[in-house]
């Protein structure tokens, strides 16, 4: 779920009540299929702002290799977080809980009720997001990156240069 500096930057950024830059809205809409657009609209303003920045950095890094499915992967890689229903402060508590209890324990919480279930779902956001995108008919690279964005590089199925650009853009 990112290193401490990345997490602090994301938290501070989540307190700003703004979504994606207005200048990027048409570009984002053109980069997503109808099904993906529906998923995009469910994401929080902070997640959309973060994702738009990731996508712009990917586009700069990859140039012509930043195809529509790759840009969609950058825009939607965190879409599974919506399933947990956690807001900013809930996500902070969830992240700290995972650090204390461990990833496996947090995953097991998905079988419980209430807040701990939400934490378990939050931890599974890569898999849940990939499932949402698969049901929406997204391209294989979009689905794969969403599922794999927290995995080590040796477990990626996306082309290495694309995965490296996506990872670097997300961990800015």
N, C-alpha and C. Protein backbone atom coordinates (compact mmCIF):
# COMPACT_ATOMS: atom_id res chain seq x y z
N UNK A 1 0.81 -1.20 0.00
CA UNK A 1 0.00 0.00 0.00
C UNK A 1 0.85 1.25 0.00
N UNK A 2 2.09 1.15 -0.37
CA UNK A 2 2.96 2.30 -0.48
C UNK A 2 3.79 2.53 0.76
N UNK A 3 4.89 3.25 0.57
CA UNK A 3 5.76 3.58 1.68
C UNK A 3 5.19 4.72 2.51
N UNK A 4 5.84 5.03 3.65
CA UNK A 4 5.32 6.08 4.55
C UNK A 4 5.16 7.44 3.87
N UNK A 5 6.15 7.88 3.10
CA UNK A 5 6.06 9.19 2.45
C UNK A 5 4.89 9.22 1.46
N UNK A 6 4.76 8.16 0.68
CA UNK A 6 3.65 8.07 -0.28
C UNK A 6 2.31 8.13 0.45
N UNK A 7 2.21 7.41 1.55
CA UNK A 7 0.96 7.39 2.31
C UNK A 7 0.64 8.75 2.92
N UNK A 8 1.63 9.44 3.43
CA UNK A 8 1.41 10.77 4.01
C UNK A 8 0.96 11.73 2.91
N UNK A 9 1.62 11.68 1.74
CA UNK A 9 1.23 12.55 0.63
C UNK A 9 -0.20 12.27 0.19
N UNK A 10 -0.58 10.99 0.11
CA UNK A 10 -1.93 10.64 -0.29
C UNK A 10 -2.94 11.12 0.75
N UNK A 11 -2.61 11.00 2.05
CA UNK A 11 -3.53 11.45 3.09
C UNK A 11 -3.75 12.95 3.00
N UNK A 12 -2.67 13.70 2.93
CA UNK A 12 -2.78 15.15 2.85
C UNK A 12 -3.57 15.54 1.61
N UNK A 13 -3.27 14.89 0.49
CA UNK A 13 -3.99 15.17 -0.74
C UNK A 13 -5.47 14.85 -0.65
N UNK A 14 -5.81 13.83 0.14
CA UNK A 14 -7.21 13.43 0.26
C UNK A 14 -8.04 14.45 1.05
N UNK A 15 -7.37 15.32 1.79
CA UNK A 15 -8.09 16.33 2.56
C UNK A 15 -8.51 17.52 1.70
N UNK A 16 -7.94 17.63 0.50
CA UNK A 16 -8.30 18.71 -0.43
C UNK A 16 -9.58 18.28 -1.15
N UNK A 17 -10.64 19.07 -1.06
CA UNK A 17 -11.93 18.65 -1.61
C UNK A 17 -12.05 18.88 -3.12
N UNK A 18 -11.05 18.48 -3.87
CA UNK A 18 -11.06 18.67 -5.32
C UNK A 18 -10.89 17.32 -6.01
N UNK A 19 -11.50 17.19 -7.17
CA UNK A 19 -11.32 16.00 -7.99
C UNK A 19 -10.24 16.22 -9.02
N UNK A 20 -10.35 15.53 -10.12
CA UNK A 20 -9.39 15.66 -11.21
C UNK A 20 -9.41 17.07 -11.77
N UNK A 21 -8.29 17.53 -12.33
CA UNK A 21 -8.28 18.88 -12.91
C UNK A 21 -9.33 19.00 -14.02
N UNK A 22 -10.02 20.11 -14.04
CA UNK A 22 -11.07 20.34 -15.05
C UNK A 22 -10.51 20.19 -16.46
N UNK A 23 -9.26 20.62 -16.66
CA UNK A 23 -8.65 20.53 -17.98
C UNK A 23 -8.45 19.09 -18.44
N UNK A 24 -8.46 18.14 -17.51
CA UNK A 24 -8.26 16.73 -17.86
C UNK A 24 -9.56 15.96 -18.07
N UNK A 25 -10.69 16.53 -17.77
CA UNK A 25 -11.94 15.76 -17.79
C UNK A 25 -12.27 15.18 -19.15
N UNK A 26 -12.13 15.95 -20.20
CA UNK A 26 -12.44 15.43 -21.54
C UNK A 26 -11.45 14.34 -21.94
N UNK A 27 -10.17 14.55 -21.63
CA UNK A 27 -9.14 13.55 -21.92
C UNK A 27 -9.43 12.25 -21.17
N UNK A 28 -9.83 12.36 -19.92
CA UNK A 28 -10.17 11.17 -19.13
C UNK A 28 -11.36 10.46 -19.75
N UNK A 29 -12.40 11.21 -20.07
CA UNK A 29 -13.61 10.61 -20.67
C UNK A 29 -13.26 9.88 -21.96
N UNK A 30 -12.39 10.47 -22.78
CA UNK A 30 -11.99 9.86 -24.04
C UNK A 30 -11.08 8.66 -23.85
N UNK A 31 -10.48 8.54 -22.67
CA UNK A 31 -9.54 7.44 -22.39
C UNK A 31 -10.24 6.21 -21.82
N UNK A 32 -11.51 6.33 -21.50
CA UNK A 32 -12.24 5.24 -20.85
C UNK A 32 -13.40 4.76 -21.71
N UNK A 33 -13.66 3.47 -21.63
CA UNK A 33 -14.85 2.92 -22.28
C UNK A 33 -16.08 3.32 -21.47
N UNK A 34 -17.25 3.03 -21.99
CA UNK A 34 -18.48 3.35 -21.25
C UNK A 34 -18.50 2.66 -19.88
N UNK A 35 -18.16 1.39 -19.85
CA UNK A 35 -18.15 0.66 -18.59
C UNK A 35 -17.12 1.21 -17.62
N UNK A 36 -15.95 1.55 -18.12
CA UNK A 36 -14.90 2.13 -17.28
C UNK A 36 -15.31 3.50 -16.76
N UNK A 37 -15.98 4.27 -17.59
CA UNK A 37 -16.44 5.59 -17.18
C UNK A 37 -17.41 5.47 -16.00
N UNK A 38 -18.28 4.48 -16.05
CA UNK A 38 -19.19 4.25 -14.93
C UNK A 38 -18.44 3.95 -13.64
N UNK A 39 -17.38 3.17 -13.73
CA UNK A 39 -16.56 2.87 -12.55
C UNK A 39 -15.83 4.12 -12.09
N UNK A 40 -15.26 4.87 -13.01
CA UNK A 40 -14.53 6.11 -12.69
C UNK A 40 -15.41 7.04 -11.86
N UNK A 41 -16.66 7.16 -12.24
CA UNK A 41 -17.56 8.10 -11.57
C UNK A 41 -17.87 7.68 -10.13
N UNK A 42 -17.63 6.42 -9.77
CA UNK A 42 -17.87 5.97 -8.39
C UNK A 42 -16.68 6.27 -7.48
N UNK A 43 -15.54 6.59 -8.07
CA UNK A 43 -14.33 6.83 -7.27
C UNK A 43 -14.41 8.18 -6.57
N UNK A 44 -13.76 8.29 -5.43
CA UNK A 44 -13.76 9.56 -4.69
C UNK A 44 -13.02 10.63 -5.47
N UNK A 45 -13.29 11.87 -5.13
CA UNK A 45 -12.59 12.99 -5.78
C UNK A 45 -11.09 12.87 -5.59
N UNK A 46 -10.66 12.52 -4.39
CA UNK A 46 -9.22 12.41 -4.13
C UNK A 46 -8.61 11.28 -4.95
N UNK A 47 -9.30 10.15 -5.07
CA UNK A 47 -8.79 9.04 -5.87
C UNK A 47 -8.75 9.41 -7.35
N UNK A 48 -9.75 10.14 -7.82
CA UNK A 48 -9.74 10.58 -9.23
C UNK A 48 -8.60 11.56 -9.49
N UNK A 49 -8.37 12.48 -8.56
CA UNK A 49 -7.27 13.43 -8.73
C UNK A 49 -5.93 12.70 -8.76
N UNK A 50 -5.73 11.77 -7.82
CA UNK A 50 -4.51 10.97 -7.78
C UNK A 50 -4.33 10.20 -9.09
N UNK A 51 -5.40 9.52 -9.52
CA UNK A 51 -5.32 8.69 -10.72
C UNK A 51 -5.04 9.51 -11.97
N UNK A 52 -5.62 10.70 -12.07
CA UNK A 52 -5.35 11.56 -13.23
C UNK A 52 -3.88 11.94 -13.27
N UNK A 53 -3.30 12.23 -12.11
CA UNK A 53 -1.87 12.54 -12.05
C UNK A 53 -1.02 11.35 -12.46
N UNK A 54 -1.39 10.17 -11.98
CA UNK A 54 -0.67 8.94 -12.36
C UNK A 54 -0.74 8.76 -13.87
N UNK A 55 -1.92 8.91 -14.44
CA UNK A 55 -2.09 8.72 -15.89
C UNK A 55 -1.28 9.72 -16.70
N UNK A 56 -1.25 10.96 -16.27
CA UNK A 56 -0.45 11.97 -16.99
C UNK A 56 1.04 11.63 -16.93
N UNK A 57 1.52 11.17 -15.76
CA UNK A 57 2.93 10.79 -15.63
C UNK A 57 3.25 9.57 -16.50
N UNK A 58 2.33 8.62 -16.58
CA UNK A 58 2.51 7.44 -17.43
C UNK A 58 2.58 7.86 -18.89
N UNK A 59 1.71 8.74 -19.28
CA UNK A 59 1.70 9.24 -20.66
C UNK A 59 3.02 9.90 -21.02
N UNK A 60 3.55 10.72 -20.11
CA UNK A 60 4.86 11.37 -20.36
C UNK A 60 5.98 10.34 -20.44
N UNK A 61 5.93 9.34 -19.56
CA UNK A 61 7.01 8.35 -19.50
C UNK A 61 7.00 7.41 -20.70
N UNK A 62 5.82 7.03 -21.18
CA UNK A 62 5.73 6.02 -22.23
C UNK A 62 5.54 6.58 -23.63
N UNK A 63 5.12 7.83 -23.74
CA UNK A 63 4.90 8.39 -25.07
C UNK A 63 3.89 7.57 -25.85
N UNK A 64 4.27 7.12 -27.05
CA UNK A 64 3.36 6.37 -27.92
C UNK A 64 2.94 5.02 -27.36
N UNK A 65 3.68 4.48 -26.41
CA UNK A 65 3.30 3.21 -25.78
C UNK A 65 2.15 3.38 -24.78
N UNK A 66 1.81 4.61 -24.47
CA UNK A 66 0.70 4.87 -23.54
C UNK A 66 -0.61 4.77 -24.31
N UNK A 67 -0.97 3.55 -24.65
CA UNK A 67 -2.21 3.30 -25.38
C UNK A 67 -3.41 3.56 -24.47
N UNK A 68 -4.59 3.57 -25.06
CA UNK A 68 -5.80 3.81 -24.28
C UNK A 68 -5.94 2.81 -23.12
N UNK A 69 -5.71 1.50 -23.32
CA UNK A 69 -5.82 0.58 -22.18
C UNK A 69 -4.78 0.84 -21.09
N UNK A 70 -3.60 1.30 -21.45
CA UNK A 70 -2.57 1.60 -20.44
C UNK A 70 -2.97 2.84 -19.65
N UNK A 71 -3.47 3.86 -20.34
CA UNK A 71 -3.95 5.06 -19.64
C UNK A 71 -5.13 4.69 -18.74
N UNK A 72 -6.02 3.84 -19.23
CA UNK A 72 -7.14 3.39 -18.40
C UNK A 72 -6.64 2.65 -17.17
N UNK A 73 -5.58 1.86 -17.33
CA UNK A 73 -5.00 1.15 -16.18
C UNK A 73 -4.51 2.14 -15.14
N UNK A 74 -3.88 3.22 -15.58
CA UNK A 74 -3.40 4.25 -14.66
C UNK A 74 -4.58 4.95 -13.98
N UNK A 75 -5.61 5.23 -14.75
CA UNK A 75 -6.77 5.94 -14.21
C UNK A 75 -7.59 5.10 -13.23
N UNK A 76 -7.61 3.80 -13.43
CA UNK A 76 -8.53 2.95 -12.67
C UNK A 76 -7.85 1.96 -11.73
N UNK A 77 -6.54 2.03 -11.56
CA UNK A 77 -5.83 1.01 -10.78
C UNK A 77 -6.33 0.88 -9.34
N UNK A 78 -6.88 1.93 -8.77
CA UNK A 78 -7.38 1.89 -7.39
C UNK A 78 -8.90 1.81 -7.30
N UNK A 79 -9.57 1.51 -8.39
CA UNK A 79 -11.04 1.55 -8.39
C UNK A 79 -11.65 0.56 -7.41
N UNK A 80 -10.96 -0.49 -7.06
CA UNK A 80 -11.50 -1.47 -6.11
C UNK A 80 -11.67 -0.93 -4.71
N UNK A 81 -11.04 0.20 -4.40
CA UNK A 81 -11.20 0.79 -3.07
C UNK A 81 -12.63 1.21 -2.81
N UNK A 82 -13.39 1.45 -3.87
CA UNK A 82 -14.78 1.87 -3.69
C UNK A 82 -15.62 0.78 -3.02
N UNK A 83 -15.24 -0.48 -3.21
CA UNK A 83 -16.03 -1.60 -2.68
C UNK A 83 -16.07 -1.57 -1.15
N UNK A 84 -14.99 -1.12 -0.52
CA UNK A 84 -14.93 -1.11 0.94
C UNK A 84 -15.84 -0.07 1.56
N UNK A 85 -16.14 0.99 0.84
CA UNK A 85 -16.97 2.05 1.38
C UNK A 85 -16.29 2.89 2.44
N UNK A 86 -14.96 2.77 2.55
CA UNK A 86 -14.24 3.55 3.55
C UNK A 86 -13.91 4.94 3.03
N UNK A 87 -14.06 5.94 3.89
CA UNK A 87 -13.65 7.29 3.57
C UNK A 87 -12.18 7.49 3.96
N UNK A 88 -11.74 8.71 3.94
CA UNK A 88 -10.34 9.03 4.21
C UNK A 88 -9.88 8.51 5.56
N UNK A 89 -10.59 8.82 6.62
CA UNK A 89 -10.14 8.42 7.95
C UNK A 89 -10.24 6.92 8.15
N UNK A 90 -11.25 6.29 7.59
CA UNK A 90 -11.35 4.84 7.64
C UNK A 90 -10.20 4.17 6.93
N UNK A 91 -9.77 4.75 5.83
CA UNK A 91 -8.62 4.20 5.10
C UNK A 91 -7.33 4.34 5.91
N UNK A 92 -7.20 5.44 6.62
CA UNK A 92 -6.02 5.62 7.47
C UNK A 92 -6.00 4.53 8.55
N UNK A 93 -7.14 4.33 9.20
CA UNK A 93 -7.22 3.29 10.24
C UNK A 93 -6.98 1.91 9.62
N UNK A 94 -7.54 1.68 8.44
CA UNK A 94 -7.35 0.39 7.77
C UNK A 94 -5.87 0.15 7.46
N UNK A 95 -5.20 1.15 6.93
CA UNK A 95 -3.78 1.02 6.59
C UNK A 95 -2.95 0.73 7.83
N UNK A 96 -3.22 1.45 8.91
CA UNK A 96 -2.49 1.21 10.16
C UNK A 96 -2.82 -0.18 10.72
N UNK A 97 -4.07 -0.59 10.61
CA UNK A 97 -4.47 -1.92 11.10
C UNK A 97 -3.74 -3.02 10.35
N UNK A 98 -3.59 -2.85 9.05
CA UNK A 98 -2.88 -3.84 8.24
C UNK A 98 -1.42 -3.90 8.65
N UNK A 99 -0.83 -2.74 8.92
CA UNK A 99 0.57 -2.70 9.34
C UNK A 99 0.76 -3.43 10.67
N UNK A 100 -0.20 -3.30 11.58
CA UNK A 100 -0.10 -3.93 12.89
C UNK A 100 -0.46 -5.41 12.84
N UNK A 101 -1.59 -5.74 12.21
CA UNK A 101 -2.09 -7.12 12.23
C UNK A 101 -1.46 -8.00 11.16
N UNK A 102 -0.98 -7.38 10.10
CA UNK A 102 -0.43 -8.15 8.99
C UNK A 102 -1.44 -8.32 7.87
N UNK A 103 -0.93 -8.50 6.67
CA UNK A 103 -1.76 -8.58 5.48
C UNK A 103 -2.70 -9.79 5.52
N UNK A 104 -2.19 -10.95 5.89
CA UNK A 104 -3.02 -12.15 5.91
C UNK A 104 -4.20 -12.02 6.88
N UNK A 105 -3.94 -11.47 8.06
CA UNK A 105 -5.02 -11.27 9.02
C UNK A 105 -6.05 -10.30 8.47
N UNK A 106 -5.57 -9.23 7.86
CA UNK A 106 -6.49 -8.23 7.30
C UNK A 106 -7.35 -8.84 6.19
N UNK A 107 -6.78 -9.67 5.36
CA UNK A 107 -7.55 -10.34 4.32
C UNK A 107 -8.64 -11.22 4.95
N UNK A 108 -8.29 -11.90 6.04
CA UNK A 108 -9.26 -12.76 6.73
C UNK A 108 -10.44 -11.96 7.27
N UNK A 109 -10.24 -10.70 7.57
CA UNK A 109 -11.32 -9.87 8.10
C UNK A 109 -12.48 -9.70 7.12
N UNK A 110 -12.25 -9.98 5.85
CA UNK A 110 -13.35 -9.84 4.88
C UNK A 110 -14.50 -10.79 5.20
N UNK A 111 -14.22 -11.82 6.00
CA UNK A 111 -15.24 -12.79 6.38
C UNK A 111 -16.00 -12.37 7.64
N UNK A 112 -15.68 -11.19 8.20
CA UNK A 112 -16.34 -10.72 9.41
C UNK A 112 -17.44 -9.74 9.04
N UNK A 113 -17.85 -8.93 10.00
CA UNK A 113 -18.88 -7.92 9.76
C UNK A 113 -18.35 -6.55 10.16
N UNK A 114 -19.07 -5.54 9.75
CA UNK A 114 -18.77 -4.18 10.18
C UNK A 114 -17.45 -3.64 9.64
N UNK A 115 -16.81 -2.84 10.47
CA UNK A 115 -15.61 -2.13 10.04
C UNK A 115 -14.48 -3.09 9.65
N UNK A 116 -14.30 -4.17 10.40
CA UNK A 116 -13.20 -5.08 10.06
C UNK A 116 -13.43 -5.71 8.69
N UNK A 117 -14.67 -5.98 8.34
CA UNK A 117 -14.96 -6.49 6.98
C UNK A 117 -14.54 -5.45 5.94
N UNK A 118 -14.85 -4.20 6.21
CA UNK A 118 -14.48 -3.14 5.26
C UNK A 118 -12.96 -3.06 5.11
N UNK A 119 -12.24 -3.24 6.20
CA UNK A 119 -10.77 -3.25 6.12
C UNK A 119 -10.32 -4.41 5.25
N UNK A 120 -10.90 -5.58 5.46
CA UNK A 120 -10.55 -6.73 4.63
C UNK A 120 -10.82 -6.49 3.16
N UNK A 121 -11.92 -5.85 2.84
CA UNK A 121 -12.23 -5.52 1.45
C UNK A 121 -11.26 -4.48 0.91
N UNK A 122 -10.91 -3.50 1.72
CA UNK A 122 -9.96 -2.47 1.30
C UNK A 122 -8.61 -3.09 0.92
N UNK A 123 -8.17 -4.05 1.72
CA UNK A 123 -6.89 -4.72 1.45
C UNK A 123 -6.97 -5.48 0.12
N UNK A 124 -8.13 -5.96 -0.22
CA UNK A 124 -8.31 -6.72 -1.46
C UNK A 124 -8.64 -5.83 -2.66
N UNK A 125 -8.45 -4.51 -2.53
CA UNK A 125 -8.86 -3.62 -3.62
C UNK A 125 -8.25 -3.94 -4.97
N UNK A 126 -7.02 -4.46 -5.07
CA UNK A 126 -6.54 -4.80 -6.41
C UNK A 126 -7.39 -5.89 -7.09
N UNK A 127 -7.69 -6.95 -6.36
CA UNK A 127 -8.48 -8.04 -6.91
C UNK A 127 -9.92 -7.60 -7.20
N UNK A 128 -10.49 -6.84 -6.27
CA UNK A 128 -11.86 -6.38 -6.45
C UNK A 128 -11.97 -5.41 -7.62
N UNK A 129 -10.99 -4.53 -7.76
CA UNK A 129 -10.98 -3.61 -8.90
C UNK A 129 -10.83 -4.34 -10.22
N UNK A 130 -9.95 -5.34 -10.25
CA UNK A 130 -9.77 -6.13 -11.48
C UNK A 130 -11.08 -6.82 -11.84
N UNK A 131 -11.80 -7.30 -10.84
CA UNK A 131 -13.08 -7.95 -11.09
C UNK A 131 -14.09 -6.96 -11.67
N UNK A 132 -14.16 -5.77 -11.09
CA UNK A 132 -15.05 -4.73 -11.62
C UNK A 132 -14.73 -4.42 -13.08
N UNK A 133 -13.43 -4.27 -13.37
CA UNK A 133 -13.02 -3.93 -14.73
C UNK A 133 -13.25 -5.08 -15.70
N UNK A 134 -13.04 -6.30 -15.23
CA UNK A 134 -13.32 -7.45 -16.08
C UNK A 134 -14.79 -7.51 -16.46
N UNK A 135 -15.67 -7.26 -15.48
CA UNK A 135 -17.11 -7.25 -15.76
C UNK A 135 -17.50 -6.10 -16.68
N UNK A 136 -16.72 -5.01 -16.65
CA UNK A 136 -17.00 -3.86 -17.50
C UNK A 136 -16.44 -4.03 -18.91
N UNK A 137 -15.71 -5.14 -19.14
CA UNK A 137 -15.17 -5.39 -20.47
C UNK A 137 -13.87 -4.67 -20.77
N UNK A 138 -13.13 -4.30 -19.75
CA UNK A 138 -11.85 -3.60 -19.95
C UNK A 138 -10.84 -4.50 -20.65
N UNK A 139 -9.85 -3.87 -21.25
CA UNK A 139 -8.78 -4.58 -21.94
C UNK A 139 -7.96 -5.40 -20.94
N UNK A 140 -7.38 -6.50 -21.38
CA UNK A 140 -6.58 -7.35 -20.48
C UNK A 140 -5.49 -6.60 -19.71
N UNK A 141 -4.78 -5.67 -20.33
CA UNK A 141 -3.71 -4.95 -19.62
C UNK A 141 -4.29 -4.06 -18.52
N UNK A 142 -5.46 -3.49 -18.75
CA UNK A 142 -6.10 -2.65 -17.73
C UNK A 142 -6.49 -3.50 -16.53
N UNK A 143 -7.09 -4.65 -16.78
CA UNK A 143 -7.50 -5.56 -15.71
C UNK A 143 -6.27 -6.09 -14.98
N UNK A 144 -5.27 -6.51 -15.74
CA UNK A 144 -4.07 -7.11 -15.13
C UNK A 144 -3.35 -6.11 -14.24
N UNK A 145 -3.15 -4.89 -14.72
CA UNK A 145 -2.42 -3.93 -13.88
C UNK A 145 -3.18 -3.62 -12.60
N UNK A 146 -4.48 -3.50 -12.69
CA UNK A 146 -5.27 -3.23 -11.50
C UNK A 146 -5.08 -4.36 -10.48
N UNK A 147 -5.06 -5.58 -10.94
CA UNK A 147 -4.85 -6.73 -10.04
C UNK A 147 -3.43 -6.80 -9.51
N UNK A 148 -2.45 -6.35 -10.29
CA UNK A 148 -1.04 -6.58 -9.99
C UNK A 148 -0.28 -5.39 -9.43
N UNK A 149 -0.91 -4.25 -9.27
CA UNK A 149 -0.14 -3.03 -8.98
C UNK A 149 0.53 -3.01 -7.62
N UNK A 150 0.20 -3.93 -6.73
CA UNK A 150 0.91 -4.03 -5.45
C UNK A 150 1.85 -5.24 -5.39
N UNK A 151 1.93 -5.98 -6.47
CA UNK A 151 2.80 -7.17 -6.51
C UNK A 151 4.23 -6.79 -6.90
N UNK A 152 5.19 -7.64 -6.56
CA UNK A 152 6.56 -7.42 -7.02
C UNK A 152 6.63 -7.60 -8.55
N UNK A 153 7.58 -6.94 -9.17
CA UNK A 153 7.71 -6.95 -10.63
C UNK A 153 7.80 -8.35 -11.22
N UNK A 154 8.40 -9.27 -10.49
CA UNK A 154 8.55 -10.62 -11.05
C UNK A 154 7.21 -11.38 -11.11
N UNK A 155 6.15 -10.79 -10.57
CA UNK A 155 4.83 -11.42 -10.63
C UNK A 155 3.90 -10.70 -11.61
N UNK A 156 4.37 -9.66 -12.27
CA UNK A 156 3.54 -8.94 -13.23
C UNK A 156 3.36 -9.75 -14.51
N UNK A 157 2.19 -9.63 -15.11
CA UNK A 157 1.97 -10.20 -16.43
C UNK A 157 1.96 -9.10 -17.50
N UNK A 158 1.89 -7.85 -17.07
CA UNK A 158 1.96 -6.75 -18.04
C UNK A 158 3.40 -6.62 -18.51
N UNK A 159 3.63 -6.08 -19.71
CA UNK A 159 5.01 -5.88 -20.15
C UNK A 159 5.80 -5.07 -19.13
N UNK A 160 7.04 -5.46 -18.90
CA UNK A 160 7.85 -4.87 -17.84
C UNK A 160 7.98 -3.35 -17.97
N UNK A 161 8.22 -2.84 -19.19
CA UNK A 161 8.38 -1.39 -19.34
C UNK A 161 7.10 -0.64 -18.99
N UNK A 162 5.96 -1.22 -19.32
CA UNK A 162 4.68 -0.59 -18.98
C UNK A 162 4.46 -0.67 -17.47
N UNK A 163 4.70 -1.83 -16.88
CA UNK A 163 4.54 -1.98 -15.43
C UNK A 163 5.46 -1.05 -14.66
N UNK A 164 6.70 -0.90 -15.11
CA UNK A 164 7.64 -0.01 -14.43
C UNK A 164 7.17 1.44 -14.50
N UNK A 165 6.66 1.86 -15.66
CA UNK A 165 6.16 3.23 -15.80
C UNK A 165 4.93 3.45 -14.91
N UNK A 166 4.02 2.49 -14.90
CA UNK A 166 2.83 2.61 -14.05
C UNK A 166 3.21 2.65 -12.58
N UNK A 167 4.10 1.78 -12.16
CA UNK A 167 4.53 1.74 -10.75
C UNK A 167 5.21 3.03 -10.35
N UNK A 168 6.15 3.51 -11.18
CA UNK A 168 6.87 4.75 -10.86
C UNK A 168 5.91 5.93 -10.79
N UNK A 169 4.92 5.98 -11.66
CA UNK A 169 3.96 7.08 -11.67
C UNK A 169 3.07 7.04 -10.45
N UNK A 170 2.77 5.86 -9.94
CA UNK A 170 1.90 5.72 -8.78
C UNK A 170 2.65 5.99 -7.48
N UNK A 171 3.91 5.71 -7.44
CA UNK A 171 4.69 5.87 -6.22
C UNK A 171 5.50 7.17 -6.19
N UNK A 172 5.02 8.17 -6.92
CA UNK A 172 5.75 9.44 -7.01
C UNK A 172 6.03 10.05 -5.66
